[in-house]
Amino acid sequence: MAKRKDIDQELLVMMKRYKKVLVTANIRPEFMAVFGSQVKGTAKPYSDIDVCIVSKDLSADPVDDYVRLSMLADKVDDRIEPHGFLPEDFDPTMDSLAYEVKRTGVVI
């Protein structure tokens, strides 16, 4: 994974705010990472901000988790595109999204 210094400071502050919003909503991330165009340096002004959230506080229903994580993300910035995983489901050897996060993500 990339190092934090490789991430824009404004984006880092935004992700820390999002993490606080999650914790306030009783979602305690074990792991959060920004990935995609924001860390590859190909983002445009209105590009989304892909963020992986791994937490045991998520449910087994990815649709419900997406809705909940998105509603919380909108409190910070509507460009945040959350991707939630239970810890046991975050397996880079079995999931292409988890692999991309592991390969290019910047841990928050």
PDB file of N, CA and C in Angstrom:
ATOM      1  N   MET A   1       0.832  -1.190   0.000  1.00  0.00           N
ATOM      2  CA  MET A   1       0.000   0.000   0.000  1.00  0.00           C
ATOM      3  C   MET A   1       0.870   1.243   0.000  1.00  0.00           C
ATOM      4  N   ALA A   2       0.285   2.308  -0.502  1.00  0.00           N
ATOM      5  CA  ALA A   2       0.990   3.587  -0.541  1.00  0.00           C
ATOM      6  C   ALA A   2       1.053   4.184   0.861  1.00  0.00           C
ATOM      7  N   LYS A   3       1.929   5.131   1.031  1.00  0.00           N
ATOM      8  CA  LYS A   3       2.088   5.785   2.329  1.00  0.00           C
ATOM      9  C   LYS A   3       1.196   7.018   2.415  1.00  0.00           C
ATOM     10  N   ARG A   4       0.851   7.394   3.639  1.00  0.00           N
ATOM     11  CA  ARG A   4      -0.015   8.552   3.858  1.00  0.00           C
ATOM     12  C   ARG A   4       0.522   9.822   3.235  1.00  0.00           C
ATOM     13  N   LYS A   5       1.835   9.959   3.194  1.00  0.00           N
ATOM     14  CA  LYS A   5       2.406  11.186   2.639  1.00  0.00           C
ATOM     15  C   LYS A   5       2.075  11.323   1.155  1.00  0.00           C
ATOM     16  N   ASP A   6       1.662  10.209   0.519  1.00  0.00           N
ATOM     17  CA  ASP A   6       1.319  10.233  -0.896  1.00  0.00           C
ATOM     18  C   ASP A   6      -0.090  10.763  -1.151  1.00  0.00           C
ATOM     19  N   ILE A   7      -0.825  11.066  -0.106  1.00  0.00           N
ATOM     20  CA  ILE A   7      -2.210  11.504  -0.236  1.00  0.00           C
ATOM     21  C   ILE A   7      -2.310  13.005   0.020  1.00  0.00           C
ATOM     22  N   ASP A   8      -3.172  13.658  -0.715  1.00  0.00           N
ATOM     23  CA  ASP A   8      -3.424  15.084  -0.555  1.00  0.00           C
ATOM     24  C   ASP A   8      -3.887  15.368   0.878  1.00  0.00           C
ATOM     25  N   GLN A   9      -3.336  16.390   1.501  1.00  0.00           N
ATOM     26  CA  GLN A   9      -3.658  16.697   2.901  1.00  0.00           C
ATOM     27  C   GLN A   9      -5.133  17.039   3.101  1.00  0.00           C
ATOM     28  N   GLU A  10      -5.731  17.728   2.141  1.00  0.00           N
ATOM     29  CA  GLU A  10      -7.159  18.052   2.238  1.00  0.00           C
ATOM     30  C   GLU A  10      -7.992  16.766   2.244  1.00  0.00           C
ATOM     31  N   LEU A  11      -7.606  15.817   1.418  1.00  0.00           N
ATOM     32  CA  LEU A  11      -8.293  14.529   1.370  1.00  0.00           C
ATOM     33  C   LEU A  11      -8.094  13.763   2.674  1.00  0.00           C
ATOM     34  N   LEU A  12      -6.904  13.810   3.223  1.00  0.00           N
ATOM     35  CA  LEU A  12      -6.626  13.142   4.489  1.00  0.00           C
ATOM     36  C   LEU A  12      -7.494  13.711   5.606  1.00  0.00           C
ATOM     37  N   VAL A  13      -7.612  15.026   5.664  1.00  0.00           N
ATOM     38  CA  VAL A  13      -8.464  15.669   6.675  1.00  0.00           C
ATOM     39  C   VAL A  13      -9.917  15.233   6.489  1.00  0.00           C
ATOM     40  N   MET A  14     -10.371  15.184   5.236  1.00  0.00           N
ATOM     41  CA  MET A  14     -11.739  14.768   4.945  1.00  0.00           C
ATOM     42  C   MET A  14     -11.982  13.331   5.418  1.00  0.00           C
ATOM     43  N   MET A  15     -11.031  12.448   5.174  1.00  0.00           N
ATOM     44  CA  MET A  15     -11.186  11.050   5.570  1.00  0.00           C
ATOM     45  C   MET A  15     -11.179  10.901   7.087  1.00  0.00           C
ATOM     46  N   LYS A  16     -10.395  11.710   7.766  1.00  0.00           N
ATOM     47  CA  LYS A  16     -10.406  11.681   9.232  1.00  0.00           C
ATOM     48  C   LYS A  16     -11.758  12.148   9.763  1.00  0.00           C
ATOM     49  N   ARG A  17     -12.355  13.145   9.103  1.00  0.00           N
ATOM     50  CA  ARG A  17     -13.700  13.600   9.492  1.00  0.00           C
ATOM     51  C   ARG A  17     -14.721  12.487   9.271  1.00  0.00           C
ATOM     52  N   TYR A  18     -14.615  11.811   8.139  1.00  0.00           N
ATOM     53  CA  TYR A  18     -15.535  10.713   7.848  1.00  0.00           C
ATOM     54  C   TYR A  18     -15.383   9.600   8.882  1.00  0.00           C
ATOM     55  N   LYS A  19     -14.161   9.303   9.249  1.00  0.00           N
ATOM     56  CA  LYS A  19     -13.924   8.269  10.260  1.00  0.00           C
ATOM     57  C   LYS A  19     -14.598   8.643  11.582  1.00  0.00           C
ATOM     58  N   LYS A  20     -14.524   9.913  11.962  1.00  0.00           N
ATOM     59  CA  LYS A  20     -15.183  10.366  13.194  1.00  0.00           C
ATOM     60  C   LYS A  20     -16.692  10.216  13.091  1.00  0.00           C
ATOM     61  N   VAL A  21     -17.252  10.532  11.926  1.00  0.00           N
ATOM     62  CA  VAL A  21     -18.695  10.372  11.710  1.00  0.00           C
ATOM     63  C   VAL A  21     -19.076   8.895  11.846  1.00  0.00           C
ATOM     64  N   LEU A  22     -18.264   8.013  11.286  1.00  0.00           N
ATOM     65  CA  LEU A  22     -18.535   6.578  11.389  1.00  0.00           C
ATOM     66  C   LEU A  22     -18.518   6.121  12.844  1.00  0.00           C
ATOM     67  N   VAL A  23     -17.501   6.521  13.574  1.00  0.00           N
ATOM     68  CA  VAL A  23     -17.377   6.112  14.978  1.00  0.00           C
ATOM     69  C   VAL A  23     -18.564   6.630  15.791  1.00  0.00           C
ATOM     70  N   THR A  24     -18.987   7.853  15.522  1.00  0.00           N
ATOM     71  CA  THR A  24     -20.151   8.418  16.209  1.00  0.00           C
ATOM     72  C   THR A  24     -21.403   7.589  15.932  1.00  0.00           C
ATOM     73  N   ALA A  25     -21.478   6.984  14.750  1.00  0.00           N
ATOM     74  CA  ALA A  25     -22.618   6.145  14.366  1.00  0.00           C
ATOM     75  C   ALA A  25     -22.396   4.676  14.751  1.00  0.00           C
ATOM     76  N   ASN A  26     -21.442   4.428  15.626  1.00  0.00           N
ATOM     77  CA  ASN A  26     -21.129   3.081  16.118  1.00  0.00           C
ATOM     78  C   ASN A  26     -20.602   2.138  15.043  1.00  0.00           C
ATOM     79  N   ILE A  27     -19.906   2.690  14.081  1.00  0.00           N
ATOM     80  CA  ILE A  27     -19.171   1.883  13.107  1.00  0.00           C
ATOM     81  C   ILE A  27     -17.696   2.182  13.349  1.00  0.00           C
ATOM     82  N   ARG A  28     -17.029   1.230  13.977  1.00  0.00           N
ATOM     83  CA  ARG A  28     -15.617   1.418  14.322  1.00  0.00           C
ATOM     84  C   ARG A  28     -14.750   0.713  13.279  1.00  0.00           C
ATOM     85  N   PRO A  29     -14.166   1.490  12.368  1.00  0.00           N
ATOM     86  CA  PRO A  29     -13.335   0.862  11.334  1.00  0.00           C
ATOM     87  C   PRO A  29     -12.080   0.230  11.928  1.00  0.00           C
ATOM     88  N   GLU A  30     -11.833  -0.998  11.539  1.00  0.00           N
ATOM     89  CA  GLU A  30     -10.566  -1.640  11.871  1.00  0.00           C
ATOM     90  C   GLU A  30      -9.511  -1.206  10.863  1.00  0.00           C
ATOM     91  N   PHE A  31      -9.998  -0.784   9.707  1.00  0.00           N
ATOM     92  CA  PHE A  31      -9.120  -0.463   8.585  1.00  0.00           C
ATOM     93  C   PHE A  31      -9.901   0.431   7.631  1.00  0.00           C
ATOM     94  N   MET A  32      -9.291   1.521   7.208  1.00  0.00           N
ATOM     95  CA  MET A  32      -9.867   2.397   6.185  1.00  0.00           C
ATOM     96  C   MET A  32      -8.762   2.746   5.209  1.00  0.00           C
ATOM     97  N   ALA A  33      -9.096   2.749   3.921  1.00  0.00           N
ATOM     98  CA  ALA A  33      -8.099   3.108   2.913  1.00  0.00           C
ATOM     99  C   ALA A  33      -8.773   3.805   1.739  1.00  0.00           C
ATOM    100  N   VAL A  34      -8.145   4.858   1.266  1.00  0.00           N
ATOM    101  CA  VAL A  34      -8.584   5.534   0.047  1.00  0.00           C
ATOM    102  C   VAL A  34      -7.879   4.847  -1.114  1.00  0.00           C
ATOM    103  N   PHE A  35      -8.603   4.638  -2.204  1.00  0.00           N
ATOM    104  CA  PHE A  35      -8.006   4.005  -3.376  1.00  0.00           C
ATOM    105  C   PHE A  35      -8.635   4.604  -4.633  1.00  0.00           C
ATOM    106  N   GLY A  36      -8.203   4.154  -5.773  1.00  0.00           N
ATOM    107  CA  GLY A  36      -8.767   4.648  -7.030  1.00  0.00           C
ATOM    108  C   GLY A  36      -8.071   5.903  -7.520  1.00  0.00           C
ATOM    109  N   SER A  37      -8.809   6.694  -8.282  1.00  0.00           N
ATOM    110  CA  SER A  37      -8.219   7.856  -8.964  1.00  0.00           C
ATOM    111  C   SER A  37      -7.609   8.872  -8.001  1.00  0.00           C
ATOM    112  N   GLN A  38      -8.140   8.967  -6.792  1.00  0.00           N
ATOM    113  CA  GLN A  38      -7.626   9.954  -5.838  1.00  0.00           C
ATOM    114  C   GLN A  38      -6.186   9.664  -5.431  1.00  0.00           C
ATOM    115  N   VAL A  39      -5.815   8.404  -5.375  1.00  0.00           N
ATOM    116  CA  VAL A  39      -4.438   8.071  -4.996  1.00  0.00           C
ATOM    117  C   VAL A  39      -3.557   7.784  -6.205  1.00  0.00           C
ATOM    118  N   LYS A  40      -4.176   7.534  -7.340  1.00  0.00           N
ATOM    119  CA  LYS A  40      -3.403   7.300  -8.568  1.00  0.00           C
ATOM    120  C   LYS A  40      -2.987   8.604  -9.235  1.00  0.00           C
ATOM    121  N   GLY A  41      -3.585   9.713  -8.781  1.00  0.00           N
ATOM    122  CA  GLY A  41      -3.258  11.002  -9.372  1.00  0.00           C
ATOM    123  C   GLY A  41      -4.009  11.294 -10.654  1.00  0.00           C
ATOM    124  N   THR A  42      -5.092  10.567 -10.901  1.00  0.00           N
ATOM    125  CA  THR A  42      -5.873  10.773 -12.124  1.00  0.00           C
ATOM    126  C   THR A  42      -7.243  11.382 -11.852  1.00  0.00           C
ATOM    127  N   ALA A  43      -7.482  11.805 -10.621  1.00  0.00           N
ATOM    128  CA  ALA A  43      -8.788  12.357 -10.252  1.00  0.00           C
ATOM    129  C   ALA A  43      -9.026  13.705 -10.918  1.00  0.00           C
ATOM    130  N   LYS A  44     -10.267  13.922 -11.289  1.00  0.00           N
ATOM    131  CA  LYS A  44     -10.731  15.206 -11.816  1.00  0.00           C
ATOM    132  C   LYS A  44     -11.423  15.939 -10.659  1.00  0.00           C
ATOM    133  N   PRO A  45     -11.753  17.226 -10.814  1.00  0.00           N
ATOM    134  CA  PRO A  45     -12.379  17.965  -9.708  1.00  0.00           C
ATOM    135  C   PRO A  45     -13.649  17.312  -9.144  1.00  0.00           C
ATOM    136  N   TYR A  46     -14.416  16.627  -9.980  1.00  0.00           N
ATOM    137  CA  TYR A  46     -15.658  16.029  -9.492  1.00  0.00           C
ATOM    138  C   TYR A  46     -15.601  14.504  -9.446  1.00  0.00           C
ATOM    139  N   SER A  47     -14.402  13.955  -9.437  1.00  0.00           N
ATOM    140  CA  SER A  47     -14.256  12.499  -9.304  1.00  0.00           C
ATOM    141  C   SER A  47     -14.728  12.053  -7.930  1.00  0.00           C
ATOM    142  N   ASP A  48     -15.240  10.825  -7.871  1.00  0.00           N
ATOM    143  CA  ASP A  48     -15.627  10.307  -6.565  1.00  0.00           C
ATOM    144  C   ASP A  48     -14.372   9.980  -5.755  1.00  0.00           C
ATOM    145  N   ILE A  49     -14.590   9.726  -4.487  1.00  0.00           N
ATOM    146  CA  ILE A  49     -13.498   9.403  -3.569  1.00  0.00           C
ATOM    147  C   ILE A  49     -13.779   8.002  -3.032  1.00  0.00           C
ATOM    148  N   ASP A  50     -13.112   7.016  -3.607  1.00  0.00           N
ATOM    149  CA  ASP A  50     -13.322   5.630  -3.192  1.00  0.00           C
ATOM    150  C   ASP A  50     -12.630   5.383  -1.866  1.00  0.00           C
ATOM    151  N   VAL A  51     -13.401   4.877  -0.910  1.00  0.00           N
ATOM    152  CA  VAL A  51     -12.829   4.565   0.399  1.00  0.00           C
ATOM    153  C   VAL A  51     -13.341   3.195   0.848  1.00  0.00           C
ATOM    154  N   CYS A  52     -12.415   2.366   1.263  1.00  0.00           N
ATOM    155  CA  CYS A  52     -12.726   1.036   1.778  1.00  0.00           C
ATOM    156  C   CYS A  52     -12.820   1.124   3.300  1.00  0.00           C
ATOM    157  N   ILE A  53     -13.899   0.562   3.834  1.00  0.00           N
ATOM    158  CA  ILE A  53     -14.096   0.526   5.284  1.00  0.00           C
ATOM    159  C   ILE A  53     -14.245  -0.935   5.691  1.00  0.00           C
ATOM    160  N   VAL A  54     -13.361  -1.408   6.532  1.00  0.00           N
ATOM    161  CA  VAL A  54     -13.451  -2.765   7.065  1.00  0.00           C
ATOM    162  C   VAL A  54     -13.819  -2.638   8.533  1.00  0.00           C
ATOM    163  N   SER A  55     -14.978  -3.219   8.895  1.00  0.00           N
ATOM    164  CA  SER A  55     -15.446  -3.094  10.273  1.00  0.00           C
ATOM    165  C   SER A  55     -16.340  -4.272  10.641  1.00  0.00           C
ATOM    166  N   LYS A  56     -16.152  -4.780  11.839  1.00  0.00           N
ATOM    167  CA  LYS A  56     -17.030  -5.839  12.336  1.00  0.00           C
ATOM    168  C   LYS A  56     -18.408  -5.285  12.684  1.00  0.00           C
ATOM    169  N   ASP A  57     -18.546  -3.958  12.694  1.00  0.00           N
ATOM    170  CA  ASP A  57     -19.824  -3.335  13.017  1.00  0.00           C
ATOM    171  C   ASP A  57     -20.756  -3.239  11.813  1.00  0.00           C
ATOM    172  N   LEU A  58     -20.302  -3.685  10.657  1.00  0.00           N
ATOM    173  CA  LEU A  58     -21.170  -3.726   9.485  1.00  0.00           C
ATOM    174  C   LEU A  58     -22.011  -4.993   9.548  1.00  0.00           C
ATOM    175  N   SER A  59     -23.045  -5.040   8.715  1.00  0.00           N
ATOM    176  CA  SER A  59     -23.922  -6.211   8.705  1.00  0.00           C
ATOM    177  C   SER A  59     -23.481  -7.171   7.608  1.00  0.00           C
ATOM    178  N   ALA A  60     -24.205  -8.247   7.477  1.00  0.00           N
ATOM    179  CA  ALA A  60     -23.923  -9.199   6.400  1.00  0.00           C
ATOM    180  C   ALA A  60     -24.643  -8.798   5.117  1.00  0.00           C
ATOM    181  N   ASP A  61     -25.366  -7.676   5.153  1.00  0.00           N
ATOM    182  CA  ASP A  61     -26.112  -7.204   3.985  1.00  0.00           C
ATOM    183  C   ASP A  61     -25.375  -6.034   3.343  1.00  0.00           C
ATOM    184  N   PRO A  62     -24.677  -6.265   2.236  1.00  0.00           N
ATOM    185  CA  PRO A  62     -23.885  -5.193   1.625  1.00  0.00           C
ATOM    186  C   PRO A  62     -24.714  -4.013   1.128  1.00  0.00           C
ATOM    187  N   VAL A  63     -25.959  -4.251   0.748  1.00  0.00           N
ATOM    188  CA  VAL A  63     -26.810  -3.145   0.280  1.00  0.00           C
ATOM    189  C   VAL A  63     -27.155  -2.229   1.446  1.00  0.00           C
ATOM    190  N   ASP A  64     -27.578  -2.812   2.567  1.00  0.00           N
ATOM    191  CA  ASP A  64     -27.870  -2.000   3.752  1.00  0.00           C
ATOM    192  C   ASP A  64     -26.629  -1.237   4.210  1.00  0.00           C
ATOM    193  N   ASP A  65     -25.495  -1.915   4.201  1.00  0.00           N
ATOM    194  CA  ASP A  65     -24.249  -1.257   4.609  1.00  0.00           C
ATOM    195  C   ASP A  65     -23.916  -0.097   3.685  1.00  0.00           C
ATOM    196  N   TYR A  66     -24.069  -0.305   2.382  1.00  0.00           N
ATOM    197  CA  TYR A  66     -23.772   0.760   1.418  1.00  0.00           C
ATOM    198  C   TYR A  66     -24.657   1.981   1.667  1.00  0.00           C
ATOM    199  N   VAL A  67     -25.945   1.745   1.873  1.00  0.00           N
ATOM    200  CA  VAL A  67     -26.868   2.862   2.122  1.00  0.00           C
ATOM    201  C   VAL A  67     -26.460   3.601   3.392  1.00  0.00           C
ATOM    202  N   ARG A  68     -26.201   2.858   4.445  1.00  0.00           N
ATOM    203  CA  ARG A  68     -25.827   3.483   5.726  1.00  0.00           C
ATOM    204  C   ARG A  68     -24.508   4.246   5.610  1.00  0.00           C
ATOM    205  N   LEU A  69     -23.501   3.616   5.016  1.00  0.00           N
ATOM    206  CA  LEU A  69     -22.199   4.273   4.862  1.00  0.00           C
ATOM    207  C   LEU A  69     -22.297   5.501   3.963  1.00  0.00           C
ATOM    208  N   SER A  70     -23.124   5.427   2.932  1.00  0.00           N
ATOM    209  CA  SER A  70     -23.301   6.562   2.017  1.00  0.00           C
ATOM    210  C   SER A  70     -23.994   7.729   2.699  1.00  0.00           C
ATOM    211  N   MET A  71     -25.020   7.434   3.487  1.00  0.00           N
ATOM    212  CA  MET A  71     -25.714   8.512   4.202  1.00  0.00           C
ATOM    213  C   MET A  71     -24.758   9.217   5.160  1.00  0.00           C
ATOM    214  N   LEU A  72     -23.918   8.456   5.819  1.00  0.00           N
ATOM    215  CA  LEU A  72     -22.936   9.051   6.724  1.00  0.00           C
ATOM    216  C   LEU A  72     -21.870   9.815   5.939  1.00  0.00           C
ATOM    217  N   ALA A  73     -21.478   9.292   4.791  1.00  0.00           N
ATOM    218  CA  ALA A  73     -20.479   9.969   3.953  1.00  0.00           C
ATOM    219  C   ALA A  73     -20.993  11.320   3.477  1.00  0.00           C
ATOM    220  N   ASP A  74     -22.275  11.390   3.153  1.00  0.00           N
ATOM    221  CA  ASP A  74     -22.860  12.645   2.668  1.00  0.00           C
ATOM    222  C   ASP A  74     -22.773  13.765   3.702  1.00  0.00           C
ATOM    223  N   LYS A  75     -22.618  13.421   4.968  1.00  0.00           N
ATOM    224  CA  LYS A  75     -22.447  14.441   6.005  1.00  0.00           C
ATOM    225  C   LYS A  75     -21.089  15.130   5.892  1.00  0.00           C
ATOM    226  N   VAL A  76     -20.162  14.479   5.197  1.00  0.00           N
ATOM    227  CA  VAL A  76     -18.803  15.013   5.055  1.00  0.00           C
ATOM    228  C   VAL A  76     -18.590  15.568   3.653  1.00  0.00           C
ATOM    229  N   ASP A  77     -18.860  14.742   2.629  1.00  0.00           N
ATOM    230  CA  ASP A  77     -18.672  15.162   1.234  1.00  0.00           C
ATOM    231  C   ASP A  77     -19.410  14.163   0.351  1.00  0.00           C
ATOM    232  N   ASP A  78     -20.247  14.675  -0.539  1.00  0.00           N
ATOM    233  CA  ASP A  78     -21.056  13.766  -1.357  1.00  0.00           C
ATOM    234  C   ASP A  78     -20.262  13.039  -2.440  1.00  0.00           C
ATOM    235  N   ARG A  79     -18.983  13.317  -2.554  1.00  0.00           N
ATOM    236  CA  ARG A  79     -18.140  12.571  -3.502  1.00  0.00           C
ATOM    237  C   ARG A  79     -17.609  11.265  -2.914  1.00  0.00           C
ATOM    238  N   ILE A  80     -17.736  11.090  -1.600  1.00  0.00           N
ATOM    239  CA  ILE A  80     -17.224   9.874  -0.961  1.00  0.00           C
ATOM    240  C   ILE A  80     -18.057   8.677  -1.405  1.00  0.00           C
ATOM    241  N   GLU A  81     -17.378   7.675  -1.922  1.00  0.00           N
ATOM    242  CA  GLU A  81     -17.999   6.431  -2.388  1.00  0.00           C
ATOM    243  C   GLU A  81     -17.496   5.302  -1.484  1.00  0.00           C
ATOM    244  N   PRO A  82     -18.299   4.936  -0.457  1.00  0.00           N
ATOM    245  CA  PRO A  82     -17.832   3.929   0.494  1.00  0.00           C
ATOM    246  C   PRO A  82     -17.987   2.501  -0.033  1.00  0.00           C
ATOM    247  N   HIS A  83     -17.043   1.672   0.352  1.00  0.00           N
ATOM    248  CA  HIS A  83     -17.062   0.245   0.016  1.00  0.00           C
ATOM    249  C   HIS A  83     -16.816  -0.503   1.326  1.00  0.00           C
ATOM    250  N   GLY A  84     -17.871  -1.058   1.906  1.00  0.00           N
ATOM    251  CA  GLY A  84     -17.768  -1.702   3.207  1.00  0.00           C
ATOM    252  C   GLY A  84     -17.506  -3.194   3.128  1.00  0.00           C
ATOM    253  N   PHE A  85     -16.714  -3.673   4.063  1.00  0.00           N
ATOM    254  CA  PHE A  85     -16.404  -5.100   4.173  1.00  0.00           C
ATOM    255  C   PHE A  85     -16.442  -5.506   5.639  1.00  0.00           C
ATOM    256  N   LEU A  86     -16.978  -6.675   5.917  1.00  0.00           N
ATOM    257  CA  LEU A  86     -16.721  -7.308   7.202  1.00  0.00           C
ATOM    258  C   LEU A  86     -15.277  -7.811   7.165  1.00  0.00           C
ATOM    259  N   PRO A  87     -14.604  -7.882   8.306  1.00  0.00           N
ATOM    260  CA  PRO A  87     -13.198  -8.322   8.299  1.00  0.00           C
ATOM    261  C   PRO A  87     -12.992  -9.674   7.615  1.00  0.00           C
ATOM    262  N   GLU A  88     -13.897 -10.594   7.851  1.00  0.00           N
ATOM    263  CA  GLU A  88     -13.736 -11.926   7.260  1.00  0.00           C
ATOM    264  C   GLU A  88     -13.989 -11.947   5.745  1.00  0.00           C
ATOM    265  N   ASP A  89     -14.607 -10.898   5.220  1.00  0.00           N
ATOM    266  CA  ASP A  89     -14.871 -10.821   3.779  1.00  0.00           C
ATOM    267  C   ASP A  89     -13.799 -10.045   3.014  1.00  0.00           C
ATOM    268  N   PHE A  90     -12.916  -9.362   3.726  1.00  0.00           N
ATOM    269  CA  PHE A  90     -11.861  -8.596   3.056  1.00  0.00           C
ATOM    270  C   PHE A  90     -10.697  -9.537   2.761  1.00  0.00           C
ATOM    271  N   ASP A  91     -10.755 -10.161   1.598  1.00  0.00           N
ATOM    272  CA  ASP A  91      -9.752 -11.142   1.203  1.00  0.00           C
ATOM    273  C   ASP A  91      -9.230 -10.794  -0.190  1.00  0.00           C
ATOM    274  N   PRO A  92      -8.070 -10.161  -0.263  1.00  0.00           N
ATOM    275  CA  PRO A  92      -7.516  -9.763  -1.560  1.00  0.00           C
ATOM    276  C   PRO A  92      -7.258 -10.924  -2.517  1.00  0.00           C
ATOM    277  N   THR A  93      -7.180 -12.140  -2.006  1.00  0.00           N
ATOM    278  CA  THR A  93      -6.969 -13.283  -2.894  1.00  0.00           C
ATOM    279  C   THR A  93      -8.272 -13.773  -3.519  1.00  0.00           C
ATOM    280  N   MET A  94      -9.406 -13.334  -2.982  1.00  0.00           N
ATOM    281  CA  MET A  94     -10.704 -13.806  -3.468  1.00  0.00           C
ATOM    282  C   MET A  94     -11.593 -12.697  -4.029  1.00  0.00           C
ATOM    283  N   ASP A  95     -11.255 -11.447  -3.775  1.00  0.00           N
ATOM    284  CA  ASP A  95     -12.114 -10.331  -4.176  1.00  0.00           C
ATOM    285  C   ASP A  95     -11.270  -9.293  -4.907  1.00  0.00           C
ATOM    286  N   SER A  96     -11.677  -8.944  -6.125  1.00  0.00           N
ATOM    287  CA  SER A  96     -10.871  -8.016  -6.934  1.00  0.00           C
ATOM    288  C   SER A  96     -10.832  -6.610  -6.343  1.00  0.00           C
ATOM    289  N   LEU A  97     -11.907  -6.176  -5.698  1.00  0.00           N
ATOM    290  CA  LEU A  97     -11.900  -4.854  -5.071  1.00  0.00           C
ATOM    291  C   LEU A  97     -10.941  -4.836  -3.879  1.00  0.00           C
ATOM    292  N   ALA A  98     -10.996  -5.877  -3.067  1.00  0.00           N
ATOM    293  CA  ALA A  98     -10.066  -5.975  -1.935  1.00  0.00           C
ATOM    294  C   ALA A  98      -8.621  -6.026  -2.436  1.00  0.00           C
ATOM    295  N   TYR A  99      -8.401  -6.707  -3.546  1.00  0.00           N
ATOM    296  CA  TYR A  99      -7.058  -6.765  -4.134  1.00  0.00           C
ATOM    297  C   TYR A  99      -6.591  -5.372  -4.548  1.00  0.00           C
ATOM    298  N   GLU A 100      -7.476  -4.606  -5.196  1.00  0.00           N
ATOM    299  CA  GLU A 100      -7.127  -3.244  -5.628  1.00  0.00           C
ATOM    300  C   GLU A 100      -6.811  -2.356  -4.421  1.00  0.00           C
ATOM    301  N   VAL A 101      -7.598  -2.484  -3.363  1.00  0.00           N
ATOM    302  CA  VAL A 101      -7.349  -1.706  -2.141  1.00  0.00           C
ATOM    303  C   VAL A 101      -5.990  -2.081  -1.561  1.00  0.00           C
ATOM    304  N   LYS A 102      -5.712  -3.358  -1.475  1.00  0.00           N
ATOM    305  CA  LYS A 102      -4.436  -3.827  -0.914  1.00  0.00           C
ATOM    306  C   LYS A 102      -3.254  -3.352  -1.763  1.00  0.00           C
ATOM    307  N   ARG A 103      -3.436  -3.347  -3.074  1.00  0.00           N
ATOM    308  CA  ARG A 103      -2.355  -3.002  -3.992  1.00  0.00           C
ATOM    309  C   ARG A 103      -2.093  -1.501  -4.048  1.00  0.00           C
ATOM    310  N   THR A 104      -3.153  -0.681  -4.073  1.00  0.00           N
ATOM    311  CA  THR A 104      -2.967   0.751  -4.319  1.00  0.00           C
ATOM    312  C   THR A 104      -3.488   1.662  -3.218  1.00  0.00           C
ATOM    313  N   GLY A 105      -4.191   1.118  -2.244  1.00  0.00           N
ATOM    314  CA  GLY A 105      -4.841   1.955  -1.241  1.00  0.00           C
ATOM    315  C   GLY A 105      -3.877   2.660  -0.303  1.00  0.00           C
ATOM    316  N   VAL A 106      -4.351   3.781   0.221  1.00  0.00           N
ATOM    317  CA  VAL A 106      -3.613   4.535   1.239  1.00  0.00           C
ATOM    318  C   VAL A 106      -4.407   4.422   2.535  1.00  0.00           C
ATOM    319  N   VAL A 107      -3.812   3.802   3.537  1.00  0.00           N
ATOM    320  CA  VAL A 107      -4.484   3.581   4.816  1.00  0.00           C
ATOM    321  C   VAL A 107      -4.683   4.907   5.532  1.00  0.00           C
ATOM    322  N   ILE A 108      -5.872   5.078   6.078  1.00  0.00           N
ATOM    323  CA  ILE A 108      -6.212   6.288   6.842  1.00  0.00           C
ATOM    324  C   ILE A 108      -6.065   5.976   8.319  1.00  0.00           C
TER     325      ILE A 108
END
